[in-house]
PDB file of N, CA and C in Angstrom:
ATOM      1  N   MET A   1     -24.246  50.061  21.747  1.00  0.00           N
ATOM      2  CA  MET A   1     -23.119  49.221  21.941  1.00  0.00           C
ATOM      3  C   MET A   1     -23.358  47.882  21.257  1.00  0.00           C
ATOM      4  N   SER A   2     -22.367  47.451  20.495  1.00  0.00           N
ATOM      5  CA  SER A   2     -22.504  46.201  19.723  1.00  0.00           C
ATOM      6  C   SER A   2     -22.003  45.041  20.576  1.00  0.00           C
ATOM      7  N   SER A   3     -22.807  43.986  20.621  1.00  0.00           N
ATOM      8  CA  SER A   3     -22.404  42.830  21.430  1.00  0.00           C
ATOM      9  C   SER A   3     -22.133  41.598  20.545  1.00  0.00           C
ATOM     10  N   HIS A   4     -21.188  41.710  19.636  1.00  0.00           N
ATOM     11  CA  HIS A   4     -20.852  40.589  18.806  1.00  0.00           C
ATOM     12  C   HIS A   4     -19.396  40.208  18.998  1.00  0.00           C
ATOM     13  N   VAL A   5     -19.108  39.044  18.616  1.00  0.00           N
ATOM     14  CA  VAL A   5     -17.712  38.527  18.737  1.00  0.00           C
ATOM     15  C   VAL A   5     -17.124  38.385  17.348  1.00  0.00           C
ATOM     16  N   GLU A   6     -15.916  38.814  17.219  1.00  0.00           N
ATOM     17  CA  GLU A   6     -15.250  38.708  15.918  1.00  0.00           C
ATOM     18  C   GLU A   6     -14.140  37.662  16.025  1.00  0.00           C
ATOM     19  N   PHE A   7     -14.137  36.688  15.132  1.00  0.00           N
ATOM     20  CA  PHE A   7     -13.151  35.632  15.179  1.00  0.00           C
ATOM     21  C   PHE A   7     -12.146  35.835  14.070  1.00  0.00           C
ATOM     22  N   SER A   8     -10.905  35.519  14.380  1.00  0.00           N
ATOM     23  CA  SER A   8      -9.861  35.521  13.361  1.00  0.00           C
ATOM     24  C   SER A   8      -9.032  34.257  13.526  1.00  0.00           C
ATOM     25  N   PHE A   9      -8.510  33.765  12.440  1.00  0.00           N
ATOM     26  CA  PHE A   9      -7.715  32.535  12.451  1.00  0.00           C
ATOM     27  C   PHE A   9      -6.331  32.867  11.903  1.00  0.00           C
ATOM     28  N   PRO A  10      -5.315  32.290  12.428  1.00  0.00           N
ATOM     29  CA  PRO A  10      -4.012  32.540  11.873  1.00  0.00           C
ATOM     30  C   PRO A  10      -3.904  31.924  10.470  1.00  0.00           C
ATOM     31  N   PRO A  11      -3.154  32.568   9.566  1.00  0.00           N
ATOM     32  CA  PRO A  11      -3.089  32.035   8.182  1.00  0.00           C
ATOM     33  C   PRO A  11      -2.543  30.648   8.100  1.00  0.00           C
ATOM     34  N   ASP A  12      -1.762  30.221   9.073  1.00  0.00           N
ATOM     35  CA  ASP A  12      -1.147  28.875   9.009  1.00  0.00           C
ATOM     36  C   ASP A  12      -1.983  27.825   9.749  1.00  0.00           C
ATOM     37  N   ALA A  13      -3.206  28.130  10.108  1.00  0.00           N
ATOM     38  CA  ALA A  13      -4.073  27.156  10.805  1.00  0.00           C
ATOM     39  C   ALA A  13      -4.435  26.055   9.808  1.00  0.00           C
ATOM     40  N   GLY A  14      -4.578  24.888  10.377  1.00  0.00           N
ATOM     41  CA  GLY A  14      -4.983  23.751   9.528  1.00  0.00           C
ATOM     42  C   GLY A  14      -3.936  22.645   9.675  1.00  0.00           C
ATOM     43  N   PRO A  15      -4.234  21.518   9.019  1.00  0.00           N
ATOM     44  CA  PRO A  15      -3.407  20.369   9.138  1.00  0.00           C
ATOM     45  C   PRO A  15      -2.075  20.533   8.431  1.00  0.00           C
ATOM     46  N   LYS A  16      -1.048  19.924   9.018  1.00  0.00           N
ATOM     47  CA  LYS A  16       0.233  19.910   8.401  1.00  0.00           C
ATOM     48  C   LYS A  16       0.575  18.508   7.992  1.00  0.00           C
ATOM     49  N   PRO A  17       1.217  18.235   6.854  1.00  0.00           N
ATOM     50  CA  PRO A  17       1.568  16.903   6.475  1.00  0.00           C
ATOM     51  C   PRO A  17       2.394  16.233   7.568  1.00  0.00           C
ATOM     52  N   ALA A  18       2.221  14.966   7.707  1.00  0.00           N
ATOM     53  CA  ALA A  18       2.926  14.200   8.796  1.00  0.00           C
ATOM     54  C   ALA A  18       4.418  14.042   8.409  1.00  0.00           C
ATOM     55  N   VAL A  19       5.210  13.967   9.467  1.00  0.00           N
ATOM     56  CA  VAL A  19       6.652  13.630   9.338  1.00  0.00           C
ATOM     57  C   VAL A  19       6.748  12.196   9.713  1.00  0.00           C
ATOM     58  N   TRP A  20       7.322  11.326   8.817  1.00  0.00           N
ATOM     59  CA  TRP A  20       7.439   9.914   9.038  1.00  0.00           C
ATOM     60  C   TRP A  20       8.829   9.511   9.492  1.00  0.00           C
ATOM     61  N   THR A  21       8.922   8.517  10.343  1.00  0.00           N
ATOM     62  CA  THR A  21      10.167   7.941  10.689  1.00  0.00           C
ATOM     63  C   THR A  21      10.404   6.743   9.763  1.00  0.00           C
ATOM     64  N   LYS A  22      11.637   6.279   9.721  1.00  0.00           N
ATOM     65  CA  LYS A  22      11.963   5.155   8.860  1.00  0.00           C
ATOM     66  C   LYS A  22      11.161   3.913   9.251  1.00  0.00           C
ATOM     67  N   GLU A  23      10.928   3.723  10.555  1.00  0.00           N
ATOM     68  CA  GLU A  23      10.155   2.626  11.075  1.00  0.00           C
ATOM     69  C   GLU A  23       8.707   2.682  10.562  1.00  0.00           C
ATOM     70  N   GLN A  24       8.163   3.850  10.550  1.00  0.00           N
ATOM     71  CA  GLN A  24       6.752   4.050  10.056  1.00  0.00           C
ATOM     72  C   GLN A  24       6.665   3.744   8.584  1.00  0.00           C
ATOM     73  N   GLU A  25       7.671   4.196   7.802  1.00  0.00           N
ATOM     74  CA  GLU A  25       7.640   3.969   6.357  1.00  0.00           C
ATOM     75  C   GLU A  25       7.666   2.459   6.071  1.00  0.00           C
ATOM     76  N   GLU A  26       8.463   1.714   6.788  1.00  0.00           N
ATOM     77  CA  GLU A  26       8.544   0.255   6.564  1.00  0.00           C
ATOM     78  C   GLU A  26       7.232  -0.391   6.940  1.00  0.00           C
ATOM     79  N   PHE A  27       6.615   0.029   8.059  1.00  0.00           N
ATOM     80  CA  PHE A  27       5.344  -0.501   8.494  1.00  0.00           C
ATOM     81  C   PHE A  27       4.237  -0.295   7.501  1.00  0.00           C
ATOM     82  N   VAL A  28       4.097   0.940   6.944  1.00  0.00           N
ATOM     83  CA  VAL A  28       3.021   1.274   6.054  1.00  0.00           C
ATOM     84  C   VAL A  28       3.171   0.587   4.689  1.00  0.00           C
ATOM     85  N   LYS A  29       4.399   0.294   4.251  1.00  0.00           N
ATOM     86  CA  LYS A  29       4.602  -0.357   2.919  1.00  0.00           C
ATOM     87  C   LYS A  29       3.895  -1.701   2.804  1.00  0.00           C
ATOM     88  N   GLN A  30       3.598  -2.363   3.846  1.00  0.00           N
ATOM     89  CA  GLN A  30       2.997  -3.692   3.791  1.00  0.00           C
ATOM     90  C   GLN A  30       1.528  -3.674   3.519  1.00  0.00           C
ATOM     91  N   PHE A  31       0.864  -2.502   3.516  1.00  0.00           N
ATOM     92  CA  PHE A  31      -0.586  -2.397   3.340  1.00  0.00           C
ATOM     93  C   PHE A  31      -0.928  -1.878   1.926  1.00  0.00           C
ATOM     94  N   PRO A  32      -2.035  -2.379   1.316  1.00  0.00           N
ATOM     95  CA  PRO A  32      -2.339  -1.960  -0.027  1.00  0.00           C
ATOM     96  C   PRO A  32      -3.133  -0.676  -0.127  1.00  0.00           C
ATOM     97  N   HIS A  33      -3.266   0.118   0.924  1.00  0.00           N
ATOM     98  CA  HIS A  33      -3.984   1.405   0.907  1.00  0.00           C
ATOM     99  C   HIS A  33      -3.352   2.388  -0.034  1.00  0.00           C
ATOM    100  N   ILE A  34      -4.193   3.199  -0.634  1.00  0.00           N
ATOM    101  CA  ILE A  34      -3.686   4.296  -1.432  1.00  0.00           C
ATOM    102  C   ILE A  34      -3.070   5.321  -0.480  1.00  0.00           C
ATOM    103  N   CYS A  35      -3.478   5.309   0.782  1.00  0.00           N
ATOM    104  CA  CYS A  35      -3.058   6.262   1.799  1.00  0.00           C
ATOM    105  C   CYS A  35      -1.535   6.281   1.961  1.00  0.00           C
ATOM    106  N   LYS A  36      -0.868   5.101   1.685  1.00  0.00           N
ATOM    107  CA  LYS A  36       0.563   5.033   1.949  1.00  0.00           C
ATOM    108  C   LYS A  36       1.366   5.961   1.081  1.00  0.00           C
ATOM    109  N   ASP A  37       0.780   6.448  -0.018  1.00  0.00           N
ATOM    110  CA  ASP A  37       1.454   7.412  -0.880  1.00  0.00           C
ATOM    111  C   ASP A  37       0.930   8.819  -0.715  1.00  0.00           C
ATOM    112  N   CYS A  38       0.099   9.011   0.285  1.00  0.00           N
ATOM    113  CA  CYS A  38      -0.581  10.327   0.464  1.00  0.00           C
ATOM    114  C   CYS A  38       0.151  11.139   1.580  1.00  0.00           C
ATOM    115  N   LYS A  39       0.271  12.446   1.366  1.00  0.00           N
ATOM    116  CA  LYS A  39       0.945  13.305   2.294  1.00  0.00           C
ATOM    117  C   LYS A  39       0.172  13.470   3.607  1.00  0.00           C
ATOM    118  N   TRP A  40      -1.110  13.161   3.600  1.00  0.00           N
ATOM    119  CA  TRP A  40      -1.958  13.368   4.789  1.00  0.00           C
ATOM    120  C   TRP A  40      -2.019  12.192   5.729  1.00  0.00           C
ATOM    121  N   LEU A  41      -1.404  11.045   5.371  1.00  0.00           N
ATOM    122  CA  LEU A  41      -1.410   9.921   6.279  1.00  0.00           C
ATOM    123  C   LEU A  41      -0.407  10.127   7.454  1.00  0.00           C
ATOM    124  N   LYS A  42      -0.917   9.980   8.642  1.00  0.00           N
ATOM    125  CA  LYS A  42      -0.079   9.978   9.822  1.00  0.00           C
ATOM    126  C   LYS A  42      -0.083   8.536  10.348  1.00  0.00           C
ATOM    127  N   PRO A  43       0.981   7.760  10.023  1.00  0.00           N
ATOM    128  CA  PRO A  43       0.968   6.356  10.447  1.00  0.00           C
ATOM    129  C   PRO A  43       1.240   6.205  11.970  1.00  0.00           C
ATOM    130  N   ILE A  44       0.739   5.180  12.507  1.00  0.00           N
ATOM    131  CA  ILE A  44       1.031   4.906  13.917  1.00  0.00           C
ATOM    132  C   ILE A  44       2.484   4.532  14.044  1.00  0.00           C
ATOM    133  N   ILE A  45       2.973   4.588  15.290  1.00  0.00           N
ATOM    134  CA  ILE A  45       4.336   4.110  15.511  1.00  0.00           C
ATOM    135  C   ILE A  45       4.177   2.614  15.822  1.00  0.00           C
ATOM    136  N   PRO A  46       4.816   1.763  14.987  1.00  0.00           N
ATOM    137  CA  PRO A  46       4.697   0.337  15.220  1.00  0.00           C
ATOM    138  C   PRO A  46       5.088  -0.093  16.622  1.00  0.00           C
ATOM    139  N   ASN A  47       4.385  -1.141  17.092  1.00  0.00           N
ATOM    140  CA  ASN A  47       4.638  -1.805  18.409  1.00  0.00           C
ATOM    141  C   ASN A  47       4.334  -0.898  19.575  1.00  0.00           C
ATOM    142  N   THR A  48       3.453   0.107  19.370  1.00  0.00           N
ATOM    143  CA  THR A  48       2.994   0.904  20.488  1.00  0.00           C
ATOM    144  C   THR A  48       1.791   0.219  21.086  1.00  0.00           C
ATOM    145  N   LYS A  49       1.505   0.382  22.347  1.00  0.00           N
ATOM    146  CA  LYS A  49       0.425  -0.280  23.033  1.00  0.00           C
ATOM    147  C   LYS A  49      -0.919   0.414  22.948  1.00  0.00           C
ATOM    148  N   PHE A  50      -0.895   1.755  22.741  1.00  0.00           N
ATOM    149  CA  PHE A  50      -2.132   2.510  22.859  1.00  0.00           C
ATOM    150  C   PHE A  50      -3.092   2.285  21.703  1.00  0.00           C
ATOM    151  N   PRO A  51      -2.669   2.444  20.383  1.00  0.00           N
ATOM    152  CA  PRO A  51      -3.707   2.395  19.339  1.00  0.00           C
ATOM    153  C   PRO A  51      -4.276   0.941  19.184  1.00  0.00           C
ATOM    154  N   PRO A  52      -5.472   0.836  18.677  1.00  0.00           N
ATOM    155  CA  PRO A  52      -6.044  -0.473  18.437  1.00  0.00           C
ATOM    156  C   PRO A  52      -5.176  -1.321  17.502  1.00  0.00           C
ATOM    157  N   ALA A  53      -5.186  -2.586  17.645  1.00  0.00           N
ATOM    158  CA  ALA A  53      -4.310  -3.488  16.952  1.00  0.00           C
ATOM    159  C   ALA A  53      -4.450  -3.408  15.426  1.00  0.00           C
ATOM    160  N   ASP A  54      -5.635  -3.081  14.954  1.00  0.00           N
ATOM    161  CA  ASP A  54      -5.839  -3.083  13.493  1.00  0.00           C
ATOM    162  C   ASP A  54      -5.604  -1.705  12.853  1.00  0.00           C
ATOM    163  N   LEU A  55      -5.055  -0.752  13.602  1.00  0.00           N
ATOM    164  CA  LEU A  55      -4.824   0.600  13.081  1.00  0.00           C
ATOM    165  C   LEU A  55      -3.520   0.748  12.303  1.00  0.00           C
ATOM    166  N   VAL A  56      -3.621   1.331  11.069  1.00  0.00           N
ATOM    167  CA  VAL A  56      -2.425   1.630  10.286  1.00  0.00           C
ATOM    168  C   VAL A  56      -2.041   3.098  10.536  1.00  0.00           C
ATOM    169  N   GLY A  57      -2.966   3.982  10.611  1.00  0.00           N
ATOM    170  CA  GLY A  57      -2.655   5.355  10.845  1.00  0.00           C
ATOM    171  C   GLY A  57      -3.923   6.214  10.837  1.00  0.00           C
ATOM    172  N   TYR A  58      -3.727   7.542  10.705  1.00  0.00           N
ATOM    173  CA  TYR A  58      -4.810   8.504  10.767  1.00  0.00           C
ATOM    174  C   TYR A  58      -4.691   9.381   9.518  1.00  0.00           C
ATOM    175  N   CYS A  59      -5.858   9.771   8.965  1.00  0.00           N
ATOM    176  CA  CYS A  59      -5.860  10.795   7.895  1.00  0.00           C
ATOM    177  C   CYS A  59      -5.953  12.134   8.582  1.00  0.00           C
ATOM    178  N   LYS A  60      -5.038  13.034   8.243  1.00  0.00           N
ATOM    179  CA  LYS A  60      -4.987  14.350   8.809  1.00  0.00           C
ATOM    180  C   LYS A  60      -5.818  15.352   8.060  1.00  0.00           C
ATOM    181  N   ILE A  61      -6.445  15.023   6.930  1.00  0.00           N
ATOM    182  CA  ILE A  61      -7.247  15.960   6.180  1.00  0.00           C
ATOM    183  C   ILE A  61      -8.734  15.756   6.288  1.00  0.00           C
ATOM    184  N   ILE A  62      -9.140  14.480   6.381  1.00  0.00           N
ATOM    185  CA  ILE A  62     -10.580  14.194   6.477  1.00  0.00           C
ATOM    186  C   ILE A  62     -11.102  14.442   7.883  1.00  0.00           C
ATOM    187  N   HIS A  63     -12.115  15.188   7.976  1.00  0.00           N
ATOM    188  CA  HIS A  63     -12.769  15.531   9.236  1.00  0.00           C
ATOM    189  C   HIS A  63     -11.860  16.277  10.218  1.00  0.00           C
ATOM    190  N   TRP A  64     -10.922  17.047   9.620  1.00  0.00           N
ATOM    191  CA  TRP A  64     -10.021  17.825  10.525  1.00  0.00           C
ATOM    192  C   TRP A  64     -10.836  18.772  11.359  1.00  0.00           C
ATOM    193  N   PRO A  65     -10.550  18.966  12.575  1.00  0.00           N
ATOM    194  CA  PRO A  65      -9.389  18.571  13.362  1.00  0.00           C
ATOM    195  C   PRO A  65      -9.448  17.203  13.988  1.00  0.00           C
ATOM    196  N   PHE A  66     -10.494  16.434  13.734  1.00  0.00           N
ATOM    197  CA  PHE A  66     -10.610  15.116  14.226  1.00  0.00           C
ATOM    198  C   PHE A  66     -10.068  14.141  13.243  1.00  0.00           C
ATOM    199  N   TYR A  67      -9.152  13.316  13.637  1.00  0.00           N
ATOM    200  CA  TYR A  67      -8.474  12.398  12.649  1.00  0.00           C
ATOM    201  C   TYR A  67      -9.373  11.189  12.352  1.00  0.00           C
ATOM    202  N   TRP A  68      -9.288  10.767  11.159  1.00  0.00           N
ATOM    203  CA  TRP A  68     -10.035   9.527  10.682  1.00  0.00           C
ATOM    204  C   TRP A  68      -9.119   8.380  10.697  1.00  0.00           C
ATOM    205  N   CYS A  69      -9.550   7.308  11.312  1.00  0.00           N
ATOM    206  CA  CYS A  69      -8.730   6.129  11.516  1.00  0.00           C
ATOM    207  C   CYS A  69      -8.668   5.299  10.215  1.00  0.00           C
ATOM    208  N   ILE A  70      -7.525   4.740   9.894  1.00  0.00           N
ATOM    209  CA  ILE A  70      -7.331   3.886   8.750  1.00  0.00           C
ATOM    210  C   ILE A  70      -6.968   2.483   9.275  1.00  0.00           C
ATOM    211  N   SER A  71      -7.828   1.530   8.962  1.00  0.00           N
ATOM    212  CA  SER A  71      -7.697   0.195   9.476  1.00  0.00           C
ATOM    213  C   SER A  71      -6.929  -0.736   8.471  1.00  0.00           C
ATOM    214  N   LYS A  72      -6.314  -1.762   9.016  1.00  0.00           N
ATOM    215  CA  LYS A  72      -5.641  -2.769   8.142  1.00  0.00           C
ATOM    216  C   LYS A  72      -6.679  -3.494   7.313  1.00  0.00           C
ATOM    217  N   TYR A  73      -7.871  -3.685   7.826  1.00  0.00           N
ATOM    218  CA  TYR A  73      -8.852  -4.553   7.275  1.00  0.00           C
ATOM    219  C   TYR A  73      -9.819  -3.909   6.296  1.00  0.00           C
ATOM    220  N   THR A  74      -9.924  -2.557   6.311  1.00  0.00           N
ATOM    221  CA  THR A  74     -10.797  -1.819   5.411  1.00  0.00           C
ATOM    222  C   THR A  74      -9.864  -1.155   4.440  1.00  0.00           C
ATOM    223  N   VAL A  75      -9.545  -1.740   3.299  1.00  0.00           N
ATOM    224  CA  VAL A  75      -8.538  -1.213   2.387  1.00  0.00           C
ATOM    225  C   VAL A  75      -9.165  -0.016   1.570  1.00  0.00           C
ATOM    226  N   ILE A  76      -8.450   1.071   1.557  1.00  0.00           N
ATOM    227  CA  ILE A  76      -8.856   2.270   0.862  1.00  0.00           C
ATOM    228  C   ILE A  76      -8.144   2.285  -0.462  1.00  0.00           C
ATOM    229  N   LYS A  77      -8.900   2.202  -1.542  1.00  0.00           N
ATOM    230  CA  LYS A  77      -8.272   2.181  -2.880  1.00  0.00           C
ATOM    231  C   LYS A  77      -8.401   3.451  -3.650  1.00  0.00           C
ATOM    232  N   LYS A  78      -9.334   4.344  -3.246  1.00  0.00           N
ATOM    233  CA  LYS A  78      -9.523   5.575  -3.885  1.00  0.00           C
ATOM    234  C   LYS A  78     -10.036   6.638  -2.852  1.00  0.00           C
ATOM    235  N   CYS A  79      -9.547   7.834  -3.004  1.00  0.00           N
ATOM    236  CA  CYS A  79      -9.895   8.913  -2.045  1.00  0.00           C
ATOM    237  C   CYS A  79      -9.835  10.217  -2.773  1.00  0.00           C
ATOM    238  N   LYS A  80     -10.898  11.043  -2.618  1.00  0.00           N
ATOM    239  CA  LYS A  80     -10.925  12.330  -3.322  1.00  0.00           C
ATOM    240  C   LYS A  80     -10.013  13.370  -2.701  1.00  0.00           C
ATOM    241  N   TRP A  81      -9.481  13.123  -1.505  1.00  0.00           N
ATOM    242  CA  TRP A  81      -8.549  14.046  -0.868  1.00  0.00           C
ATOM    243  C   TRP A  81      -7.078  13.623  -1.009  1.00  0.00           C
ATOM    244  N   PHE A  82      -6.870  12.591  -1.749  1.00  0.00           N
ATOM    245  CA  PHE A  82      -5.508  12.044  -1.950  1.00  0.00           C
ATOM    246  C   PHE A  82      -4.584  13.125  -2.541  1.00  0.00           C
ATOM    247  N   GLU A  83      -3.411  13.264  -1.953  1.00  0.00           N
ATOM    248  CA  GLU A  83      -2.392  14.148  -2.534  1.00  0.00           C
ATOM    249  C   GLU A  83      -1.068  13.350  -2.383  1.00  0.00           C
ATOM    250  N   LYS A  84      -0.385  13.270  -3.468  1.00  0.00           N
ATOM    251  CA  LYS A  84       0.897  12.481  -3.530  1.00  0.00           C
ATOM    252  C   LYS A  84       1.906  13.121  -2.617  1.00  0.00           C
ATOM    253  N   LYS A  85       2.609  12.238  -1.838  1.00  0.00           N
ATOM    254  CA  LYS A  85       3.680  12.679  -0.989  1.00  0.00           C
ATOM    255  C   LYS A  85       4.850  13.204  -1.820  1.00  0.00           C
ATOM    256  N   GLU A  86       5.475  14.212  -1.375  1.00  0.00           N
ATOM    257  CA  GLU A  86       6.640  14.781  -2.144  1.00  0.00           C
ATOM    258  C   GLU A  86       7.939  14.143  -1.722  1.00  0.00           C
TER     259      GLU A  86
END
């Protein structure tokens, strides 16, 4: 009797590009990050109380499934995972 476990993942597993609201688009425009033109940026909702004050958003591709925080003060000018938003 074999005692191994077989794993399978659904074909659609993985990160999905973020859906932005108009409010989020306006918020992100003010920062010089390359991330603002990337389909993997998930911006925070402006004026929410939970995220840290210096947070612009999260990258949904780097270190997935754990999101990577993008700060207002650490400007990202180049990224090898950058994909232009459609």
